[in-house]
Amino acid sequence: MRLLEAAGHSCTRAAASLGAWGIIGIGSADVVLVQVKTRDWPGAEGMEGLRLFRCPANCRKLIHRRRDRQNLPNVREL
């Protein structure tokens, strides 16, 4: 959330819910949906579900993977 807020987005956290996205960031020009993982990337089925998630054209879908002893996450954009 700090990364998105530093880039000017207003964020809400929906982690530990049954939804596909853990963080939603709304900026002046775009919306960012983020799935946060602590160890592994989502499996093939999970990745496909995230890719197929319907959203507006100005929406970006990201997966952030946090690893031990790393300050910044590994990021993949779908």
PDB file of N, CA and C in Angstrom:
ATOM      1  N   MET A   1       0.821  -1.192   0.000  1.00  0.00           N
ATOM      2  CA  MET A   1       0.000   0.000   0.000  1.00  0.00           C
ATOM      3  C   MET A   1       0.867   1.258   0.000  1.00  0.00           C
ATOM      4  N   ARG A   2       1.989   1.197   0.723  1.00  0.00           N
ATOM      5  CA  ARG A   2       2.859   2.380   0.778  1.00  0.00           C
ATOM      6  C   ARG A   2       3.386   2.745  -0.607  1.00  0.00           C
ATOM      7  N   LEU A   3       3.702   1.748  -1.426  1.00  0.00           N
ATOM      8  CA  LEU A   3       4.199   2.027  -2.782  1.00  0.00           C
ATOM      9  C   LEU A   3       3.136   2.732  -3.616  1.00  0.00           C
ATOM     10  N   LEU A   4       1.908   2.252  -3.544  1.00  0.00           N
ATOM     11  CA  LEU A   4       0.831   2.876  -4.316  1.00  0.00           C
ATOM     12  C   LEU A   4       0.501   4.271  -3.785  1.00  0.00           C
ATOM     13  N   GLU A   5       0.459   4.406  -2.466  1.00  0.00           N
ATOM     14  CA  GLU A   5       0.156   5.715  -1.887  1.00  0.00           C
ATOM     15  C   GLU A   5       1.240   6.733  -2.227  1.00  0.00           C
ATOM     16  N   ALA A   6       2.497   6.300  -2.264  1.00  0.00           N
ATOM     17  CA  ALA A   6       3.587   7.196  -2.657  1.00  0.00           C
ATOM     18  C   ALA A   6       3.451   7.644  -4.104  1.00  0.00           C
ATOM     19  N   ALA A   7       2.793   6.812  -4.927  1.00  0.00           N
ATOM     20  CA  ALA A   7       2.572   7.162  -6.335  1.00  0.00           C
ATOM     21  C   ALA A   7       1.271   7.948  -6.520  1.00  0.00           C
ATOM     22  N   GLY A   8       0.600   8.301  -5.409  1.00  0.00           N
ATOM     23  CA  GLY A   8      -0.588   9.145  -5.499  1.00  0.00           C
ATOM     24  C   GLY A   8      -1.916   8.428  -5.496  1.00  0.00           C
ATOM     25  N   HIS A   9      -1.941   7.141  -5.209  1.00  0.00           N
ATOM     26  CA  HIS A   9      -3.190   6.387  -5.173  1.00  0.00           C
ATOM     27  C   HIS A   9      -3.797   6.381  -3.771  1.00  0.00           C
ATOM     28  N   SER A  10      -5.111   6.386  -3.699  1.00  0.00           N
ATOM     29  CA  SER A  10      -5.821   6.137  -2.449  1.00  0.00           C
ATOM     30  C   SER A  10      -6.075   4.643  -2.406  1.00  0.00           C
ATOM     31  N   CYS A  11      -5.758   3.997  -1.286  1.00  0.00           N
ATOM     32  CA  CYS A  11      -5.787   2.534  -1.236  1.00  0.00           C
ATOM     33  C   CYS A  11      -6.738   2.013  -0.175  1.00  0.00           C
ATOM     34  N   THR A  12      -7.241   0.833  -0.447  1.00  0.00           N
ATOM     35  CA  THR A  12      -8.011   0.083   0.533  1.00  0.00           C
ATOM     36  C   THR A  12      -7.491  -1.338   0.545  1.00  0.00           C
ATOM     37  N   ARG A  13      -7.494  -1.936   1.717  1.00  0.00           N
ATOM     38  CA  ARG A  13      -6.968  -3.292   1.893  1.00  0.00           C
ATOM     39  C   ARG A  13      -8.130  -4.260   2.047  1.00  0.00           C
ATOM     40  N   ALA A  14      -8.094  -5.320   1.266  1.00  0.00           N
ATOM     41  CA  ALA A  14      -9.134  -6.349   1.329  1.00  0.00           C
ATOM     42  C   ALA A  14      -8.503  -7.721   1.528  1.00  0.00           C
ATOM     43  N   ALA A  15      -7.321  -7.757   2.138  1.00  0.00           N
ATOM     44  CA  ALA A  15      -6.595  -9.018   2.331  1.00  0.00           C
ATOM     45  C   ALA A  15      -7.378  -9.960   3.230  1.00  0.00           C
ATOM     46  N   ALA A  16      -7.093 -11.248   3.092  1.00  0.00           N
ATOM     47  CA  ALA A  16      -7.719 -12.320   3.865  1.00  0.00           C
ATOM     48  C   ALA A  16      -9.205 -12.451   3.558  1.00  0.00           C
ATOM     49  N   SER A  17      -9.660 -11.801   2.502  1.00  0.00           N
ATOM     50  CA  SER A  17     -11.049 -11.970   2.092  1.00  0.00           C
ATOM     51  C   SER A  17     -11.115 -13.049   1.023  1.00  0.00           C
ATOM     52  N   LEU A  18     -12.293 -13.322   0.580  1.00  0.00           N
ATOM     53  CA  LEU A  18     -12.455 -14.327  -0.470  1.00  0.00           C
ATOM     54  C   LEU A  18     -12.364 -13.733  -1.861  1.00  0.00           C
ATOM     55  N   GLY A  19     -12.077 -12.442  -1.960  1.00  0.00           N
ATOM     56  CA  GLY A  19     -11.960 -11.797  -3.254  1.00  0.00           C
ATOM     57  C   GLY A  19     -10.625 -12.082  -3.915  1.00  0.00           C
ATOM     58  N   ALA A  20     -10.533 -11.725  -5.174  1.00  0.00           N
ATOM     59  CA  ALA A  20      -9.322 -11.990  -5.947  1.00  0.00           C
ATOM     60  C   ALA A  20      -8.185 -11.041  -5.607  1.00  0.00           C
ATOM     61  N   TRP A  21      -8.498  -9.822  -5.139  1.00  0.00           N
ATOM     62  CA  TRP A  21      -7.480  -8.786  -4.973  1.00  0.00           C
ATOM     63  C   TRP A  21      -7.356  -8.376  -3.524  1.00  0.00           C
ATOM     64  N   GLY A  22      -6.137  -8.201  -3.043  1.00  0.00           N
ATOM     65  CA  GLY A  22      -5.888  -7.848  -1.654  1.00  0.00           C
ATOM     66  C   GLY A  22      -5.785  -6.354  -1.418  1.00  0.00           C
ATOM     67  N   ILE A  23      -5.395  -5.601  -2.453  1.00  0.00           N
ATOM     68  CA  ILE A  23      -5.280  -4.146  -2.345  1.00  0.00           C
ATOM     69  C   ILE A  23      -5.882  -3.519  -3.595  1.00  0.00           C
ATOM     70  N   ILE A  24      -6.654  -2.470  -3.392  1.00  0.00           N
ATOM     71  CA  ILE A  24      -7.216  -1.709  -4.506  1.00  0.00           C
ATOM     72  C   ILE A  24      -6.739  -0.278  -4.352  1.00  0.00           C
ATOM     73  N   GLY A  25      -6.053   0.234  -5.382  1.00  0.00           N
ATOM     74  CA  GLY A  25      -5.553   1.594  -5.374  1.00  0.00           C
ATOM     75  C   GLY A  25      -6.238   2.407  -6.454  1.00  0.00           C
ATOM     76  N   ILE A  26      -6.761   3.562  -6.079  1.00  0.00           N
ATOM     77  CA  ILE A  26      -7.456   4.418  -7.039  1.00  0.00           C
ATOM     78  C   ILE A  26      -6.671   5.708  -7.190  1.00  0.00           C
ATOM     79  N   GLY A  27      -6.223   5.954  -8.419  1.00  0.00           N
ATOM     80  CA  GLY A  27      -5.477   7.162  -8.732  1.00  0.00           C
ATOM     81  C   GLY A  27      -6.289   8.085  -9.609  1.00  0.00           C
ATOM     82  N   SER A  28      -5.722   9.213  -9.965  1.00  0.00           N
ATOM     83  CA  SER A  28      -6.438  10.179 -10.801  1.00  0.00           C
ATOM     84  C   SER A  28      -6.603   9.692 -12.233  1.00  0.00           C
ATOM     85  N   ALA A  29      -5.727   8.791 -12.684  1.00  0.00           N
ATOM     86  CA  ALA A  29      -5.791   8.319 -14.069  1.00  0.00           C
ATOM     87  C   ALA A  29      -6.009   6.817 -14.199  1.00  0.00           C
ATOM     88  N   ASP A  30      -5.869   6.074 -13.103  1.00  0.00           N
ATOM     89  CA  ASP A  30      -6.006   4.630 -13.217  1.00  0.00           C
ATOM     90  C   ASP A  30      -6.434   3.994 -11.899  1.00  0.00           C
ATOM     91  N   VAL A  31      -6.753   2.719 -11.998  1.00  0.00           N
ATOM     92  CA  VAL A  31      -7.077   1.877 -10.847  1.00  0.00           C
ATOM     93  C   VAL A  31      -6.077   0.730 -10.863  1.00  0.00           C
ATOM     94  N   VAL A  32      -5.559   0.376  -9.695  1.00  0.00           N
ATOM     95  CA  VAL A  32      -4.596  -0.719  -9.596  1.00  0.00           C
ATOM     96  C   VAL A  32      -5.160  -1.786  -8.668  1.00  0.00           C
ATOM     97  N   LEU A  33      -5.229  -3.010  -9.169  1.00  0.00           N
ATOM     98  CA  LEU A  33      -5.646  -4.164  -8.377  1.00  0.00           C
ATOM     99  C   LEU A  33      -4.399  -4.976  -8.073  1.00  0.00           C
ATOM    100  N   VAL A  34      -4.186  -5.315  -6.803  1.00  0.00           N
ATOM    101  CA  VAL A  34      -2.965  -6.012  -6.411  1.00  0.00           C
ATOM    102  C   VAL A  34      -3.294  -7.278  -5.634  1.00  0.00           C
ATOM    103  N   GLN A  35      -2.714  -8.374  -6.040  1.00  0.00           N
ATOM    104  CA  GLN A  35      -2.744  -9.634  -5.308  1.00  0.00           C
ATOM    105  C   GLN A  35      -1.391  -9.740  -4.620  1.00  0.00           C
ATOM    106  N   VAL A  36      -1.378  -9.898  -3.302  1.00  0.00           N
ATOM    107  CA  VAL A  36      -0.129  -9.938  -2.539  1.00  0.00           C
ATOM    108  C   VAL A  36       0.126 -11.372  -2.070  1.00  0.00           C
ATOM    109  N   LYS A  37       1.307 -11.866  -2.365  1.00  0.00           N
ATOM    110  CA  LYS A  37       1.731 -13.200  -1.943  1.00  0.00           C
ATOM    111  C   LYS A  37       2.990 -13.059  -1.101  1.00  0.00           C
ATOM    112  N   THR A  38       3.170 -13.964  -0.139  1.00  0.00           N
ATOM    113  CA  THR A  38       4.349 -13.865   0.719  1.00  0.00           C
ATOM    114  C   THR A  38       5.452 -14.824   0.318  1.00  0.00           C
ATOM    115  N   ARG A  39       5.144 -15.829  -0.482  1.00  0.00           N
ATOM    116  CA  ARG A  39       6.200 -16.782  -0.807  1.00  0.00           C
ATOM    117  C   ARG A  39       6.193 -17.169  -2.281  1.00  0.00           C
ATOM    118  N   ASP A  40       5.135 -17.767  -2.757  1.00  0.00           N
ATOM    119  CA  ASP A  40       5.082 -18.281  -4.127  1.00  0.00           C
ATOM    120  C   ASP A  40       4.140 -17.455  -4.989  1.00  0.00           C
ATOM    121  N   TRP A  41       4.393 -17.470  -6.284  1.00  0.00           N
ATOM    122  CA  TRP A  41       3.460 -16.868  -7.230  1.00  0.00           C
ATOM    123  C   TRP A  41       2.200 -17.735  -7.250  1.00  0.00           C
ATOM    124  N   PRO A  42       1.054 -17.194  -7.632  1.00  0.00           N
ATOM    125  CA  PRO A  42      -0.142 -18.027  -7.752  1.00  0.00           C
ATOM    126  C   PRO A  42       0.090 -19.145  -8.771  1.00  0.00           C
ATOM    127  N   GLY A  43      -0.607 -20.246  -8.593  1.00  0.00           N
ATOM    128  CA  GLY A  43      -0.519 -21.351  -9.540  1.00  0.00           C
ATOM    129  C   GLY A  43      -1.174 -20.994 -10.861  1.00  0.00           C
ATOM    130  N   ALA A  44      -1.111 -21.914 -11.805  1.00  0.00           N
ATOM    131  CA  ALA A  44      -1.645 -21.667 -13.154  1.00  0.00           C
ATOM    132  C   ALA A  44      -3.129 -21.316 -13.123  1.00  0.00           C
ATOM    133  N   GLU A  45      -3.896 -22.023 -12.321  1.00  0.00           N
ATOM    134  CA  GLU A  45      -5.337 -21.760 -12.244  1.00  0.00           C
ATOM    135  C   GLU A  45      -5.613 -20.392 -11.627  1.00  0.00           C
ATOM    136  N   GLY A  46      -4.870 -20.059 -10.582  1.00  0.00           N
ATOM    137  CA  GLY A  46      -5.028 -18.752  -9.947  1.00  0.00           C
ATOM    138  C   GLY A  46      -4.641 -17.613 -10.875  1.00  0.00           C
ATOM    139  N   MET A  47      -3.551 -17.786 -11.601  1.00  0.00           N
ATOM    140  CA  MET A  47      -3.111 -16.753 -12.551  1.00  0.00           C
ATOM    141  C   MET A  47      -4.152 -16.547 -13.644  1.00  0.00           C
ATOM    142  N   GLU A  48      -4.724 -17.638 -14.133  1.00  0.00           N
ATOM    143  CA  GLU A  48      -5.736 -17.528 -15.183  1.00  0.00           C
ATOM    144  C   GLU A  48      -6.968 -16.788 -14.674  1.00  0.00           C
ATOM    145  N   GLY A  49      -7.369 -17.078 -13.441  1.00  0.00           N
ATOM    146  CA  GLY A  49      -8.513 -16.375 -12.858  1.00  0.00           C
ATOM    147  C   GLY A  49      -8.260 -14.882 -12.732  1.00  0.00           C
ATOM    148  N   LEU A  50      -7.046 -14.520 -12.341  1.00  0.00           N
ATOM    149  CA  LEU A  50      -6.705 -13.100 -12.234  1.00  0.00           C
ATOM    150  C   LEU A  50      -6.654 -12.443 -13.609  1.00  0.00           C
ATOM    151  N   ARG A  51      -6.116 -13.138 -14.594  1.00  0.00           N
ATOM    152  CA  ARG A  51      -6.065 -12.590 -15.961  1.00  0.00           C
ATOM    153  C   ARG A  51      -7.466 -12.347 -16.509  1.00  0.00           C
ATOM    154  N   LEU A  52      -8.393 -13.268 -16.218  1.00  0.00           N
ATOM    155  CA  LEU A  52      -9.746 -13.179 -16.759  1.00  0.00           C
ATOM    156  C   LEU A  52     -10.655 -12.243 -15.971  1.00  0.00           C
ATOM    157  N   PHE A  53     -10.193 -11.753 -14.826  1.00  0.00           N
ATOM    158  CA  PHE A  53     -10.991 -10.854 -14.000  1.00  0.00           C
ATOM    159  C   PHE A  53     -11.341  -9.614 -14.810  1.00  0.00           C
ATOM    160  N   ARG A  54     -12.622  -9.334 -14.931  1.00  0.00           N
ATOM    161  CA  ARG A  54     -13.068  -8.198 -15.745  1.00  0.00           C
ATOM    162  C   ARG A  54     -12.902  -6.898 -14.980  1.00  0.00           C
ATOM    163  N   CYS A  55     -12.322  -5.910 -15.659  1.00  0.00           N
ATOM    164  CA  CYS A  55     -12.113  -4.604 -15.047  1.00  0.00           C
ATOM    165  C   CYS A  55     -12.069  -3.546 -16.154  1.00  0.00           C
ATOM    166  N   PRO A  56     -12.173  -2.270 -15.797  1.00  0.00           N
ATOM    167  CA  PRO A  56     -12.142  -1.202 -16.798  1.00  0.00           C
ATOM    168  C   PRO A  56     -10.805  -1.144 -17.535  1.00  0.00           C
ATOM    169  N   ALA A  57     -10.801  -0.492 -18.672  1.00  0.00           N
ATOM    170  CA  ALA A  57      -9.599  -0.395 -19.504  1.00  0.00           C
ATOM    171  C   ALA A  57      -8.457   0.349 -18.802  1.00  0.00           C
ATOM    172  N   ASN A  58      -8.768   1.265 -17.883  1.00  0.00           N
ATOM    173  CA  ASN A  58      -7.719   2.019 -17.200  1.00  0.00           C
ATOM    174  C   ASN A  58      -7.246   1.329 -15.913  1.00  0.00           C
ATOM    175  N   CYS A  59      -7.487   0.039 -15.814  1.00  0.00           N
ATOM    176  CA  CYS A  59      -7.145  -0.732 -14.625  1.00  0.00           C
ATOM    177  C   CYS A  59      -5.911  -1.601 -14.890  1.00  0.00           C
ATOM    178  N   ARG A  60      -4.985  -1.597 -13.932  1.00  0.00           N
ATOM    179  CA  ARG A  60      -3.810  -2.469 -14.019  1.00  0.00           C
ATOM    180  C   ARG A  60      -3.954  -3.575 -12.978  1.00  0.00           C
ATOM    181  N   LYS A  61      -3.535  -4.776 -13.337  1.00  0.00           N
ATOM    182  CA  LYS A  61      -3.579  -5.915 -12.428  1.00  0.00           C
ATOM    183  C   LYS A  61      -2.146  -6.336 -12.124  1.00  0.00           C
ATOM    184  N   LEU A  62      -1.783  -6.316 -10.837  1.00  0.00           N
ATOM    185  CA  LEU A  62      -0.426  -6.629 -10.410  1.00  0.00           C
ATOM    186  C   LEU A  62      -0.423  -7.754  -9.385  1.00  0.00           C
ATOM    187  N   ILE A  63       0.662  -8.499  -9.371  1.00  0.00           N
ATOM    188  CA  ILE A  63       0.913  -9.467  -8.312  1.00  0.00           C
ATOM    189  C   ILE A  63       2.218  -9.056  -7.658  1.00  0.00           C
ATOM    190  N   HIS A  64       2.178  -8.820  -6.347  1.00  0.00           N
ATOM    191  CA  HIS A  64       3.370  -8.490  -5.561  1.00  0.00           C
ATOM    192  C   HIS A  64       3.718  -9.695  -4.716  1.00  0.00           C
ATOM    193  N   ARG A  65       4.945 -10.146  -4.829  1.00  0.00           N
ATOM    194  CA  ARG A  65       5.419 -11.275  -4.023  1.00  0.00           C
ATOM    195  C   ARG A  65       6.506 -10.768  -3.090  1.00  0.00           C
ATOM    196  N   ARG A  66       6.250 -10.849  -1.800  1.00  0.00           N
ATOM    197  CA  ARG A  66       7.223 -10.425  -0.794  1.00  0.00           C
ATOM    198  C   ARG A  66       8.086 -11.610  -0.407  1.00  0.00           C
ATOM    199  N   ARG A  67       9.360 -11.407  -0.381  1.00  0.00           N
ATOM    200  CA  ARG A  67      10.313 -12.453   0.017  1.00  0.00           C
ATOM    201  C   ARG A  67      11.026 -12.025   1.293  1.00  0.00           C
ATOM    202  N   ASP A  68      11.482 -12.996   2.067  1.00  0.00           N
ATOM    203  CA  ASP A  68      12.247 -12.703   3.280  1.00  0.00           C
ATOM    204  C   ASP A  68      13.488 -11.883   2.940  1.00  0.00           C
ATOM    205  N   ARG A  69      13.787 -10.946   3.780  1.00  0.00           N
ATOM    206  CA  ARG A  69      14.985 -10.110   3.677  1.00  0.00           C
ATOM    207  C   ARG A  69      15.039  -9.265   2.398  1.00  0.00           C
ATOM    208  N   GLN A  70      13.909  -8.970   1.806  1.00  0.00           N
ATOM    209  CA  GLN A  70      13.864  -8.067   0.654  1.00  0.00           C
ATOM    210  C   GLN A  70      13.027  -6.847   1.023  1.00  0.00           C
ATOM    211  N   ASN A  71      13.511  -5.677   0.685  1.00  0.00           N
ATOM    212  CA  ASN A  71      12.771  -4.452   0.987  1.00  0.00           C
ATOM    213  C   ASN A  71      11.611  -4.226   0.034  1.00  0.00           C
ATOM    214  N   LEU A  72      11.813  -4.539  -1.233  1.00  0.00           N
ATOM    215  CA  LEU A  72      10.777  -4.324  -2.239  1.00  0.00           C
ATOM    216  C   LEU A  72      10.275  -5.656  -2.770  1.00  0.00           C
ATOM    217  N   PRO A  73       9.004  -5.725  -3.150  1.00  0.00           N
ATOM    218  CA  PRO A  73       8.462  -6.989  -3.667  1.00  0.00           C
ATOM    219  C   PRO A  73       8.872  -7.234  -5.120  1.00  0.00           C
ATOM    220  N   ASN A  74       8.806  -8.497  -5.517  1.00  0.00           N
ATOM    221  CA  ASN A  74       8.888  -8.850  -6.939  1.00  0.00           C
ATOM    222  C   ASN A  74       7.491  -8.543  -7.496  1.00  0.00           C
ATOM    223  N   VAL A  75       7.421  -7.935  -8.669  1.00  0.00           N
ATOM    224  CA  VAL A  75       6.122  -7.516  -9.218  1.00  0.00           C
ATOM    225  C   VAL A  75       5.950  -8.099 -10.616  1.00  0.00           C
ATOM    226  N   ARG A  76       4.765  -8.630 -10.849  1.00  0.00           N
ATOM    227  CA  ARG A  76       4.364  -9.066 -12.191  1.00  0.00           C
ATOM    228  C   ARG A  76       3.078  -8.335 -12.555  1.00  0.00           C
ATOM    229  N   GLU A  77       3.033  -7.828 -13.762  1.00  0.00           N
ATOM    230  CA  GLU A  77       1.798  -7.192 -14.248  1.00  0.00           C
ATOM    231  C   GLU A  77       1.117  -8.144 -15.216  1.00  0.00           C
ATOM    232  N   LEU A  78      -0.189  -8.278 -15.043  1.00  0.00           N
ATOM    233  CA  LEU A  78      -0.952  -9.171 -15.926  1.00  0.00           C
ATOM    234  C   LEU A  78      -1.570  -8.376 -17.054  1.00  0.00           C
TER     235      LEU A  78
END
